Amino acid sequence: MMYIEIIKCITKVGKDKTIMRTIGSDNRTKELRIKENFKISVLTEEQYINACKQYLYAKRDDHNFEKLSSSSQETYLVENNVLGYRFLGDRGLVEILKNFNELTLTEIYSIIVSLSPRLNSVCNVNINFSTLLNDKDNILIVNAETFLNQIPSMCSLNKKITMWTIDTFIQELLAFDYENNKNISIKAVDIYNNQFEEQEKFKNILCIPPFGLKRRFERGKYYGNDSSTIAAELLFKNNLADDGTLSIIMPSKVNFSQTEAHFRQAYEKNLIEVIDLPSGTFSNTNIKTYLYKFSKEYSDNLFISHSIDTLGEKYNLTEVTNVDSTWDFEKPFKEEDEDIVNVLNKDHKKLSEISTILRGKPLSKYAQETNKNEDFIYLDMRAIKEDGIDFSEAKKYRLDKDLSSEYLQDGDLLIPNKGNTSKVVLYKNSDKNCIASANLLVIHPDNKQISSEYLLTYLRSAVGQKLIKGLLRGTAMPFINHEDLKGIAVIVPALTKQKELIKNYTSKMEKYRKQLEQIKNDIMQLEQDVNDIICGTKQDF
């Protein structure tokens, strides 16, 4: 079928649900076909799954059912009410299920919930965690609903697997799919329930706790405060066998959050492996996560990897622990970066040795917004652009108190302390009194050692950006601590050499901008010429 014909078919979907048979005749994947059929069906997730359940039940219960044609199977389901309620599917759904005999309710549900952002408890995972379960039998999968699309591959490993879920609907789906599998056990268990007392031991535990879960926990009962660290403690103490391994996914804030300091201290010697999970691993969150592996045997070493399929490199715990007892699992990889190694191997100074680093100020209670006769301009992240400061994005204020000591000085550099920290701008030759907001970091260079223009160019360079981004902390909104910024390594040539470098750089950048501007003008003229010819106002170029 030609592309244009497919488009025509899609436009008719609202009028003719059976058009799915035509669209589905090509070689698209089962995921796309199920998603399209689900959208066309106008059924809720539960109604759609119940229709699939009726089909699969009829297939199991009546051996003659599978021999029927698609239209006869649809009629059979409509007339027989095999599970005691009306079949709400259509022939398109019947043909999909008939063509993909290995589909389970769990797999179908994981496909259609990707279209439903409101189902936050269900999460499709974009990495195959089954490789973590190969080495040991007697496996526990905790919060099975959080990586639903992984269940079929996990259950095909031919190992003894117990699955816990807090979602009763998911429990029903899993029970239906695996009721005849003696190796699979399904239980409704909520580890965060105050009545949680499950004490069965397992040699391999895999858990993806719900991120951002708000529960009231008894103060002081656990080392950590986050729902993920509490899950780790509960499973480690109650359910991990002496020779077992606990694999749990937790947000990166566990590495540095002050509230998790006691957890880090209590379990650091039980940590045997850390895997850096890429962004996009989970369908319902973009927060930065790691997979942490714990065992009951103490060790001073651990393995760090960027891949779930490789063991990674072995490091001593001290190599990834900072002076403030926070964990930095990127540290070894930063030190292996060729550009950073070159900087560290050369004569350099810390940023704090050549400048004063300050945090921006919260807006003073003495300030009142105004549009005229302003005393100062308050710069926040909106005013920080890639190529400089946009004062039109900043608000103006008048003061009931002298705050001149907080004004930015000529030559100060500004960096956002969260979000897009790659922006570095120079506050230069301004006739305005400005104060940096609390969302900005201020670098005041010592002009006896380093010029502002040179430091700006250095921090905007490829190696400068690597050094800055290597300081990022945080999950959903990465941020930079101003204390961390002080340790950035800066190569500081003599001031005469700095001025020479900046003069050369500025000259070449100006030439580049002029060439770029000329190219833009040429393209705009070409587009205009083409438009004139199309409209008939010009006969030739």
Protein backbone atom coordinates (compact mmCIF):
# COMPACT_ATOMS: atom_id res chain seq x y z
CA MET A 1 0.00 0.00 0.00
CA MET A 2 1.30 3.45 -0.91
CA TYR A 3 1.94 6.00 1.84
CA ILE A 4 -0.87 8.29 0.63
CA GLU A 5 -3.34 5.39 0.79
CA ILE A 6 -2.39 4.66 4.38
CA ILE A 7 -3.01 8.32 5.28
CA LYS A 8 -6.46 8.12 3.66
CA CYS A 9 -7.25 5.02 5.67
CA ILE A 10 -6.21 6.67 8.93
CA THR A 11 -8.53 9.63 8.28
CA LYS A 12 -11.45 7.18 8.08
CA VAL A 13 -10.68 5.48 11.37
CA GLY A 14 -13.35 7.37 13.31
CA LYS A 15 -16.06 6.13 10.91
CA ASP A 16 -14.94 2.57 10.34
CA LYS A 17 -13.25 0.61 13.11
CA THR A 18 -12.72 -2.38 10.83
CA ILE A 19 -10.30 -0.33 8.71
CA MET A 20 -7.63 -1.73 11.07
CA ARG A 21 -7.63 -4.87 8.97
CA THR A 22 -6.40 -2.88 5.96
CA ILE A 23 -3.83 -0.81 7.82
CA GLY A 24 -2.54 -3.85 9.70
CA SER A 25 -1.76 -5.82 6.56
CA ASP A 26 1.82 -4.57 6.35
CA ASN A 27 4.83 -5.70 8.40
CA ARG A 28 4.60 -3.33 11.34
CA THR A 29 5.37 -4.64 14.78
CA LYS A 30 2.79 -6.08 17.14
CA GLU A 31 3.34 -3.11 19.48
CA LEU A 32 2.25 -0.60 16.82
CA ARG A 33 -0.70 -2.73 15.75
CA ILE A 34 -1.96 -3.12 19.32
CA LYS A 35 -1.51 0.60 20.05
CA GLU A 36 -3.42 1.58 16.91
CA ASN A 37 -6.18 -0.92 17.58
CA PHE A 38 -6.47 0.26 21.18
CA LYS A 39 -6.81 3.92 20.12
CA ILE A 40 -9.39 3.00 17.48
CA SER A 41 -11.40 0.87 19.93
CA VAL A 42 -12.17 3.84 22.21
CA LEU A 43 -12.10 1.42 25.15
CA THR A 44 -10.52 2.02 28.52
CA GLU A 45 -7.31 0.12 29.36
CA GLU A 46 -9.24 -2.30 31.57
CA GLN A 47 -11.98 -2.90 28.99
CA TYR A 48 -9.44 -3.58 26.28
CA ILE A 49 -7.47 -5.98 28.48
CA ASN A 50 -10.70 -7.78 29.45
CA ALA A 51 -11.47 -8.30 25.76
CA CYS A 52 -7.99 -9.77 25.27
CA LYS A 53 -8.51 -11.92 28.35
CA GLN A 54 -11.79 -13.28 26.91
CA TYR A 55 -10.03 -14.24 23.69
CA LEU A 56 -7.13 -15.98 25.47
CA TYR A 57 -9.53 -17.75 27.86
CA ALA A 58 -11.62 -19.06 24.97
CA LYS A 59 -8.44 -20.26 23.28
CA ARG A 60 -7.43 -22.17 26.42
CA ASP A 61 -10.89 -23.53 27.28
CA ASP A 62 -12.19 -24.56 23.86
CA HIS A 63 -9.80 -26.45 21.57
CA ASN A 64 -12.11 -25.84 18.58
CA PHE A 65 -11.96 -22.04 19.05
CA GLU A 66 -8.51 -21.68 17.49
CA LYS A 67 -9.71 -23.46 14.31
CA LEU A 68 -12.40 -20.84 13.64
CA SER A 69 -11.99 -17.94 11.23
CA SER A 70 -11.50 -14.45 12.66
CA SER A 71 -15.12 -13.44 12.04
CA SER A 72 -16.36 -16.68 13.62
CA GLN A 73 -14.12 -16.16 16.63
CA GLU A 74 -15.53 -12.65 17.06
CA THR A 75 -19.10 -14.01 16.86
CA TYR A 76 -18.21 -16.76 19.35
CA LEU A 77 -16.92 -14.22 21.87
CA VAL A 78 -19.89 -11.86 21.44
CA GLU A 79 -22.47 -14.64 21.86
CA ASN A 80 -20.86 -16.79 24.56
CA ASN A 81 -19.70 -14.25 27.15
CA VAL A 82 -16.97 -16.69 28.17
CA LEU A 83 -16.03 -14.78 31.35
CA GLY A 84 -19.53 -13.64 32.21
CA TYR A 85 -19.44 -10.20 30.62
CA ARG A 86 -19.91 -8.78 27.12
CA PHE A 87 -17.02 -8.91 24.62
CA LEU A 88 -16.16 -5.31 23.72
CA GLY A 89 -13.42 -6.03 21.19
CA ASP A 90 -13.71 -6.17 17.41
CA ARG A 91 -12.46 -8.25 14.51
CA GLY A 92 -9.30 -6.12 14.31
CA LEU A 93 -8.33 -7.16 17.85
CA VAL A 94 -9.18 -10.79 17.11
CA GLU A 95 -6.89 -10.80 14.06
CA ILE A 96 -4.01 -9.26 16.02
CA LEU A 97 -4.27 -11.85 18.80
CA LYS A 98 -4.61 -14.63 16.25
CA ASN A 99 -1.45 -13.55 14.41
CA PHE A 100 0.63 -13.20 17.60
CA ASN A 101 0.06 -16.42 19.50
CA GLU A 102 2.73 -15.80 22.16
CA LEU A 103 1.24 -12.56 23.51
CA THR A 104 0.36 -12.46 27.22
CA LEU A 105 -2.04 -10.10 28.98
CA THR A 106 0.92 -8.63 30.80
CA GLU A 107 2.70 -7.83 27.56
CA ILE A 108 -0.41 -6.33 25.95
CA TYR A 109 -1.05 -4.16 29.01
CA SER A 110 2.54 -2.90 29.03
CA ILE A 111 2.07 -1.83 25.40
CA ILE A 112 -1.18 0.08 25.85
CA VAL A 113 -0.25 1.80 29.13
CA SER A 114 2.59 3.57 27.32
CA LEU A 115 -0.23 5.67 25.81
CA SER A 116 -1.62 6.51 29.27
CA PRO A 117 0.62 8.89 31.28
CA ARG A 118 -1.84 8.83 34.18
CA LEU A 119 -0.85 5.24 34.99
CA ASN A 120 2.25 6.28 36.93
CA SER A 121 2.60 3.01 38.83
CA VAL A 122 3.19 1.09 35.60
CA CYS A 123 6.53 1.62 33.90
CA ASN A 124 8.02 0.26 30.71
CA VAL A 125 11.75 -0.31 30.99
CA ASN A 126 14.03 0.14 27.99
CA ILE A 127 16.84 -2.13 29.24
CA ASN A 128 16.62 -5.91 29.53
CA PHE A 129 17.15 -6.66 33.21
CA SER A 130 16.78 -10.41 32.64
CA THR A 131 20.58 -10.68 32.43
CA LEU A 132 20.71 -9.91 36.17
CA LEU A 133 18.73 -13.03 36.95
CA ASN A 134 20.75 -15.63 35.08
CA ASP A 135 23.29 -16.57 37.74
CA LYS A 136 21.00 -17.66 40.60
CA ASP A 137 17.71 -19.44 41.20
CA ASN A 138 15.07 -18.51 43.81
CA ILE A 139 14.42 -15.00 42.50
CA LEU A 140 12.24 -12.24 43.98
CA ILE A 141 10.86 -9.48 41.73
CA VAL A 142 9.61 -6.60 43.90
CA ASN A 143 7.06 -4.06 42.61
CA ALA A 144 6.56 -6.11 39.45
CA GLU A 145 4.27 -3.42 38.04
CA THR A 146 7.20 -1.01 37.71
CA PHE A 147 8.80 -2.95 34.84
CA LEU A 148 5.87 -4.78 33.34
CA ASN A 149 7.26 -5.27 29.83
CA GLN A 150 10.20 -7.24 31.30
CA ILE A 151 8.03 -9.94 32.91
CA PRO A 152 7.64 -12.28 29.88
CA SER A 153 11.40 -12.51 29.27
CA MET A 154 12.08 -12.98 32.99
CA CYS A 155 9.53 -15.77 33.28
CA SER A 156 11.04 -17.56 30.28
CA LEU A 157 14.31 -18.15 32.17
CA ASN A 158 12.99 -21.43 33.65
CA LYS A 159 13.87 -20.37 37.21
CA LYS A 160 11.90 -20.24 40.43
CA ILE A 161 10.52 -16.68 40.50
CA THR A 162 8.33 -14.93 43.07
CA MET A 163 6.70 -11.65 42.04
CA TRP A 164 5.32 -9.08 44.48
CA THR A 165 2.98 -6.33 43.35
CA ILE A 166 0.89 -3.69 45.14
CA ASP A 167 -1.43 -3.35 42.13
CA THR A 168 -4.38 -5.77 42.38
CA PHE A 169 -5.17 -5.46 38.67
CA ILE A 170 -1.58 -6.38 37.75
CA GLN A 171 -1.78 -9.31 40.15
CA GLU A 172 -4.85 -10.58 38.27
CA LEU A 173 -3.07 -10.27 34.92
CA LEU A 174 0.04 -12.09 36.15
CA ALA A 175 -2.06 -14.81 37.77
CA PHE A 176 -3.95 -15.34 34.50
CA ASP A 177 -0.74 -15.50 32.44
CA TYR A 178 1.23 -17.81 34.74
CA GLU A 179 -1.36 -19.84 36.68
CA ASN A 180 -0.10 -23.08 35.12
CA ASN A 181 3.59 -22.31 35.61
CA LYS A 182 4.77 -24.04 38.78
CA ASN A 183 7.97 -21.97 38.84
CA ILE A 184 6.08 -18.66 39.10
CA SER A 185 4.48 -17.38 42.29
CA ILE A 186 2.42 -14.17 42.42
CA LYS A 187 1.74 -12.34 45.70
CA ALA A 188 0.10 -9.05 46.69
CA VAL A 189 2.80 -7.51 48.90
CA ASP A 190 3.39 -3.87 49.80
CA ILE A 191 6.81 -3.54 51.43
CA TYR A 192 5.95 -0.01 52.60
CA ASN A 193 2.97 -1.19 54.60
CA ASN A 194 3.59 -0.92 58.33
CA GLN A 195 2.34 -4.50 58.66
CA PHE A 196 4.99 -5.83 56.24
CA GLU A 197 6.38 -9.02 57.77
CA GLU A 198 7.41 -11.20 54.81
CA GLN A 199 10.56 -13.03 55.95
CA GLU A 200 11.10 -15.51 53.08
CA LYS A 201 14.74 -15.48 51.91
CA PHE A 202 15.82 -15.16 48.28
CA LYS A 203 19.19 -15.48 46.55
CA ASN A 204 18.45 -12.88 43.89
CA ILE A 205 16.25 -9.82 44.50
CA LEU A 206 15.44 -7.24 41.83
CA CYS A 207 13.56 -4.10 42.80
CA ILE A 208 12.60 -0.85 41.11
CA PRO A 209 10.89 1.15 43.87
CA PRO A 210 8.30 3.76 42.86
CA PHE A 211 10.17 7.06 42.43
CA GLY A 212 9.00 9.98 44.57
CA LEU A 213 6.71 7.84 46.71
CA LYS A 214 5.45 9.79 49.72
CA ARG A 215 4.90 7.57 52.74
CA ARG A 216 5.04 8.32 56.45
CA PHE A 217 7.81 6.34 58.09
CA GLU A 218 8.69 6.15 61.74
CA ARG A 219 11.46 8.70 62.33
CA GLY A 220 14.77 7.08 63.19
CA LYS A 221 13.65 3.56 62.29
CA TYR A 222 15.68 3.51 59.07
CA TYR A 223 19.08 4.89 58.11
CA GLY A 224 17.69 6.59 55.00
CA ASN A 225 14.68 8.79 54.31
CA ASP A 226 14.00 8.14 50.61
CA SER A 227 11.47 5.46 49.64
CA SER A 228 14.17 3.69 47.59
CA THR A 229 16.74 3.49 50.41
CA ILE A 230 14.05 2.31 52.81
CA ALA A 231 13.13 -0.41 50.30
CA ALA A 232 16.80 -1.40 50.13
CA GLU A 233 17.01 -1.65 53.94
CA LEU A 234 13.81 -3.68 54.27
CA LEU A 235 14.71 -6.18 51.56
CA PHE A 236 18.34 -6.45 52.71
CA LYS A 237 17.36 -7.21 56.32
CA ASN A 238 14.21 -9.29 55.82
CA ASN A 239 14.51 -11.11 52.51
CA LEU A 240 18.10 -11.37 51.26
CA ALA A 241 19.77 -14.74 51.79
CA ASP A 242 23.28 -14.77 53.28
CA ASP A 243 24.73 -15.71 49.87
CA GLY A 244 22.28 -13.59 47.89
CA THR A 245 22.43 -10.37 45.85
CA LEU A 246 20.06 -7.40 46.06
CA SER A 247 19.84 -5.36 42.84
CA ILE A 248 17.88 -2.14 43.33
CA ILE A 249 17.46 0.95 41.14
CA MET A 250 17.69 4.23 43.05
CA PRO A 251 17.91 7.91 42.05
CA SER A 252 21.36 9.50 41.96
CA LYS A 253 20.46 11.82 44.85
CA VAL A 254 21.17 8.84 47.13
CA ASN A 255 24.86 9.44 46.32
CA PHE A 256 25.03 12.93 47.78
CA SER A 257 21.84 13.81 49.65
CA GLN A 258 22.54 14.81 53.24
CA THR A 259 19.44 12.92 54.38
CA GLU A 260 20.92 9.68 53.00
CA ALA A 261 24.35 10.08 54.66
CA HIS A 262 23.59 7.49 57.35
CA PHE A 263 22.41 5.00 54.72
CA ARG A 264 25.64 5.42 52.75
CA GLN A 265 27.72 4.94 55.87
CA ALA A 266 25.77 1.86 57.00
CA TYR A 267 25.78 0.02 53.66
CA GLU A 268 28.87 1.21 51.78
CA LYS A 269 30.82 -1.97 52.62
CA ASN A 270 27.91 -4.10 51.34
CA LEU A 271 27.90 -2.31 47.98
CA ILE A 272 29.55 -4.60 45.41
CA GLU A 273 28.57 -3.10 42.04
CA VAL A 274 27.12 0.09 40.55
CA ILE A 275 25.75 0.40 37.01
CA ASP A 276 25.16 3.85 35.50
CA LEU A 277 21.78 3.63 33.75
CA PRO A 278 21.31 5.84 30.68
CA SER A 279 18.61 8.49 30.48
CA GLY A 280 15.36 7.18 29.05
CA THR A 281 15.68 3.83 30.84
CA PHE A 282 12.21 4.28 32.34
CA SER A 283 9.19 5.43 30.36
CA ASN A 284 7.60 7.47 33.15
CA THR A 285 10.57 9.42 34.49
CA ASN A 286 13.73 11.16 33.29
CA ILE A 287 15.50 11.31 36.62
CA LYS A 288 19.09 10.10 36.80
CA THR A 289 19.31 6.58 38.23
CA TYR A 290 21.87 3.91 39.08
CA LEU A 291 21.51 0.21 39.68
CA TYR A 292 23.10 -0.68 43.02
CA LYS A 293 24.04 -4.25 43.96
CA PHE A 294 24.40 -5.22 47.61
CA SER A 295 25.55 -8.43 49.29
CA LYS A 296 25.87 -9.41 52.96
CA GLU A 297 29.60 -9.92 52.64
CA TYR A 298 31.74 -6.88 53.43
CA SER A 299 34.13 -5.53 50.80
CA ASP A 300 36.29 -2.43 50.31
CA ASN A 301 36.03 -2.79 46.53
CA LEU A 302 33.24 -2.47 44.01
CA PHE A 303 32.74 -2.67 40.26
CA ILE A 304 31.50 0.32 38.25
CA SER A 305 30.05 0.02 34.77
CA HIS A 306 28.09 1.98 32.18
CA SER A 307 26.46 -1.20 30.86
CA ILE A 308 24.23 -3.78 32.46
CA ASP A 309 25.80 -6.52 30.31
CA THR A 310 29.42 -5.99 31.44
CA LEU A 311 31.06 -6.28 34.85
CA GLY A 312 32.97 -3.01 34.53
CA GLU A 313 36.14 -1.87 36.28
CA LYS A 314 37.11 -2.66 39.85
CA TYR A 315 37.73 0.29 42.21
CA ASN A 316 38.47 0.75 45.87
CA LEU A 317 35.65 2.44 47.73
CA THR A 318 37.92 5.35 48.67
CA GLU A 319 38.40 6.17 44.96
CA VAL A 320 34.71 7.08 44.57
CA THR A 321 34.07 8.59 48.02
CA ASN A 322 34.46 12.35 48.42
CA VAL A 323 35.81 14.10 51.51
CA ASP A 324 32.23 14.82 52.63
CA SER A 325 31.41 11.06 52.42
CA THR A 326 29.26 11.48 49.29
CA TRP A 327 29.62 8.98 46.43
CA ASP A 328 30.80 9.98 42.94
CA PHE A 329 30.68 6.98 40.62
CA GLU A 330 31.56 9.14 37.63
CA LYS A 331 34.87 10.12 39.19
CA PRO A 332 36.98 7.30 37.67
CA PHE A 333 35.50 7.94 34.22
CA LYS A 334 36.13 11.67 34.44
CA GLU A 335 39.74 11.00 35.30
CA GLU A 336 40.03 8.75 32.24
CA ASP A 337 38.86 11.52 29.88
CA GLU A 338 41.85 12.45 27.71
CA ASP A 339 41.10 16.21 27.70
CA ILE A 340 40.69 16.36 31.47
CA VAL A 341 43.79 14.24 32.05
CA ASN A 342 45.79 16.67 29.88
CA VAL A 343 44.60 19.62 31.98
CA LEU A 344 45.34 17.87 35.27
CA ASN A 345 48.82 16.85 34.08
CA LYS A 346 49.72 20.45 33.20
CA ASP A 347 50.52 23.29 35.58
CA HIS A 348 47.10 24.54 36.66
CA LYS A 349 45.30 26.31 39.48
CA LYS A 350 41.98 25.75 41.14
CA LEU A 351 39.29 28.26 40.21
CA SER A 352 39.13 29.34 43.86
CA GLU A 353 42.84 30.33 43.71
CA ILE A 354 42.30 32.82 40.89
CA SER A 355 38.81 34.10 41.68
CA THR A 356 36.16 34.55 44.33
CA ILE A 357 33.08 32.37 43.86
CA LEU A 358 29.80 33.59 45.30
CA ARG A 359 26.19 32.50 45.26
CA GLY A 360 23.58 34.91 43.93
CA LYS A 361 21.25 36.66 46.34
CA PRO A 362 17.56 36.07 47.04
CA LEU A 363 15.47 39.08 46.15
CA SER A 364 15.63 41.54 49.03
CA LYS A 365 12.51 42.28 51.03
CA TYR A 366 13.47 45.94 50.61
CA ALA A 367 13.04 45.75 46.81
CA GLN A 368 9.89 46.87 45.04
CA GLU A 369 9.31 46.24 41.34
CA THR A 370 9.13 49.31 39.13
CA ASN A 371 9.25 50.30 35.47
CA LYS A 372 11.00 53.66 35.88
CA ASN A 373 13.84 55.22 37.82
CA GLU A 374 15.03 51.80 38.86
CA ASP A 375 17.76 51.42 41.47
CA PHE A 376 18.89 48.03 40.18
CA ILE A 377 18.11 45.17 37.80
CA TYR A 378 17.66 41.67 39.19
CA LEU A 379 19.21 39.10 36.85
CA ASP A 380 17.86 35.56 36.93
CA MET A 381 18.28 32.54 34.63
CA ARG A 382 15.87 33.93 32.04
CA ALA A 383 18.31 36.74 31.29
CA ILE A 384 21.24 34.36 30.73
CA LYS A 385 21.49 33.49 27.04
CA GLU A 386 24.07 31.47 25.12
CA ASP A 387 25.75 34.62 23.77
CA GLY A 388 25.40 36.94 26.77
CA ILE A 389 22.97 38.74 29.05
CA ASP A 390 19.56 39.85 27.80
CA PHE A 391 18.65 42.75 30.09
CA SER A 392 15.15 42.96 28.60
CA GLU A 393 14.35 39.65 30.33
CA ALA A 394 15.27 41.07 33.75
CA LYS A 395 12.98 42.95 36.14
CA LYS A 396 13.70 46.40 37.57
CA TYR A 397 13.46 47.37 41.22
CA ARG A 398 13.82 50.32 43.53
CA LEU A 399 15.22 50.02 47.03
CA ASP A 400 14.34 51.14 50.52
CA LYS A 401 17.85 50.17 51.66
CA ASP A 402 21.39 50.46 50.30
CA LEU A 403 22.36 47.13 48.65
CA SER A 404 25.23 48.48 46.55
CA SER A 405 27.63 45.98 48.15
CA GLU A 406 25.74 43.21 46.32
CA TYR A 407 25.97 44.79 42.87
CA LEU A 408 27.82 42.82 40.19
CA GLN A 409 31.25 44.14 39.28
CA ASP A 410 32.64 44.75 35.82
CA GLY A 411 34.24 41.47 34.61
CA ASP A 412 32.15 39.09 36.74
CA LEU A 413 31.13 35.78 35.16
CA LEU A 414 27.68 34.27 35.70
CA ILE A 415 26.71 30.57 35.54
CA PRO A 416 23.22 29.13 36.22
CA ASN A 417 23.47 26.79 39.19
CA LYS A 418 20.80 24.42 37.85
CA GLY A 419 19.33 23.29 34.56
CA ASN A 420 21.43 24.34 31.53
CA THR A 421 24.72 24.98 33.33
CA SER A 422 26.63 25.11 30.04
CA LYS A 423 25.85 28.83 29.78
CA VAL A 424 28.68 31.08 30.96
CA VAL A 425 28.29 34.84 30.40
CA LEU A 426 30.34 37.95 31.09
CA TYR A 427 29.02 41.03 32.89
CA LYS A 428 31.03 43.70 31.10
CA ASN A 429 30.90 47.48 30.62
CA SER A 430 27.33 47.73 31.89
CA ASP A 431 25.90 51.08 32.91
CA LYS A 432 23.28 49.28 35.01
CA ASN A 433 23.36 48.29 38.66
CA CYS A 434 22.65 44.56 38.72
CA ILE A 435 22.22 41.87 41.36
CA ALA A 436 22.48 38.16 40.50
CA SER A 437 19.58 35.99 41.64
CA ALA A 438 19.92 32.97 43.91
CA ASN A 439 19.77 30.73 40.81
CA LEU A 440 23.10 32.06 39.56
CA LEU A 441 26.70 31.56 40.61
CA VAL A 442 29.04 34.57 40.41
CA ILE A 443 32.75 34.25 39.58
CA HIS A 444 34.78 37.37 40.36
CA PRO A 445 38.22 36.86 38.74
CA ASP A 446 41.41 38.20 40.31
CA ASN A 447 42.50 40.49 37.45
CA LYS A 448 46.09 40.36 38.67
CA GLN A 449 46.18 36.68 37.71
CA ILE A 450 43.57 36.12 35.02
CA SER A 451 41.50 38.21 32.63
CA SER A 452 37.72 37.82 32.61
CA GLU A 453 37.70 37.34 28.81
CA TYR A 454 40.25 34.52 29.00
CA LEU A 455 38.39 32.75 31.84
CA LEU A 456 35.12 33.11 29.91
CA THR A 457 36.71 31.53 26.81
CA TYR A 458 38.28 28.76 28.91
CA LEU A 459 35.00 27.82 30.61
CA ARG A 460 33.11 27.91 27.29
CA SER A 461 35.69 25.64 25.62
CA ALA A 462 35.11 21.90 25.18
CA VAL A 463 37.33 20.99 28.11
CA GLY A 464 35.81 23.75 30.26
CA GLN A 465 32.33 22.42 29.58
CA LYS A 466 33.43 18.89 30.52
CA LEU A 467 34.84 20.17 33.80
CA ILE A 468 31.63 22.07 34.61
CA LYS A 469 29.24 19.28 33.61
CA GLY A 470 31.32 16.82 35.62
CA LEU A 471 30.16 18.68 38.75
CA LEU A 472 26.45 18.15 38.07
CA ARG A 473 24.40 16.66 40.85
CA GLY A 474 20.70 16.03 41.08
CA THR A 475 17.98 14.01 39.44
CA ALA A 476 15.11 15.67 37.60
CA MET A 477 16.83 19.09 37.78
CA PRO A 478 20.67 18.80 37.80
CA PHE A 479 22.50 21.49 39.78
CA ILE A 480 26.01 22.64 40.67
CA ASN A 481 27.13 23.29 44.23
CA HIS A 482 29.19 26.49 44.42
CA GLU A 483 31.72 24.71 46.66
CA ASP A 484 32.31 22.12 43.91
CA LEU A 485 32.88 24.88 41.36
CA LYS A 486 35.85 26.11 43.39
CA GLY A 487 37.82 22.95 42.54
CA ILE A 488 37.72 23.31 38.73
CA ALA A 489 41.22 23.09 37.24
CA VAL A 490 42.20 26.14 35.15
CA ILE A 491 45.35 26.50 33.05
CA VAL A 492 46.56 30.05 33.66
CA PRO A 493 49.16 31.43 31.20
CA ALA A 494 50.90 34.77 31.80
CA LEU A 495 48.55 37.77 31.44
CA THR A 496 50.35 38.89 28.26
CA LYS A 497 49.78 35.46 26.75
CA GLN A 498 46.12 35.52 27.83
CA LYS A 499 45.58 38.87 26.08
CA GLU A 500 47.29 37.59 22.95
CA LEU A 501 45.11 34.47 22.90
CA ILE A 502 41.91 36.50 23.40
CA LYS A 503 42.86 38.99 20.69
CA ASN A 504 43.46 36.17 18.22
CA TYR A 505 40.28 34.35 19.29
CA THR A 506 38.14 37.51 19.08
CA SER A 507 39.49 38.32 15.61
CA LYS A 508 38.68 34.87 14.25
CA MET A 509 35.25 34.79 15.90
CA GLU A 510 34.38 38.14 14.33
CA LYS A 511 35.42 36.82 10.92
CA TYR A 512 33.33 33.70 11.52
CA ARG A 513 30.25 35.76 12.51
CA LYS A 514 30.52 37.90 9.38
CA GLN A 515 30.80 34.83 7.17
CA LEU A 516 27.85 33.21 8.94
CA GLU A 517 25.77 36.34 8.56
CA GLN A 518 26.58 36.47 4.83
CA ILE A 519 25.57 32.84 4.41
CA LYS A 520 22.26 33.52 6.21
CA ASN A 521 21.58 36.51 3.92
CA ASP A 522 22.38 34.43 0.82
CA ILE A 523 19.98 31.68 1.95
CA MET A 524 17.21 34.21 2.64
CA GLN A 525 17.71 35.74 -0.84
CA LEU A 526 17.62 32.30 -2.44
CA GLU A 527 14.39 31.43 -0.61
CA GLN A 528 12.86 34.71 -1.76
CA ASP A 529 13.89 34.03 -5.39
CA VAL A 530 12.33 30.56 -5.27
CA ASN A 531 9.15 31.98 -3.73
CA ASP A 532 8.93 34.67 -6.46
CA ILE A 533 9.24 32.04 -9.20
CA ILE A 534 6.58 29.80 -7.59
CA CYS A 535 4.20 32.75 -7.21
CA GLY A 536 4.86 33.86 -10.79
CA THR A 537 6.32 37.24 -9.88
CA LYS A 538 9.73 36.31 -11.26
CA GLN A 539 10.55 34.35 -14.41
CA ASP A 540 14.19 33.52 -13.81
CA PHE A 541 16.93 33.75 -11.21
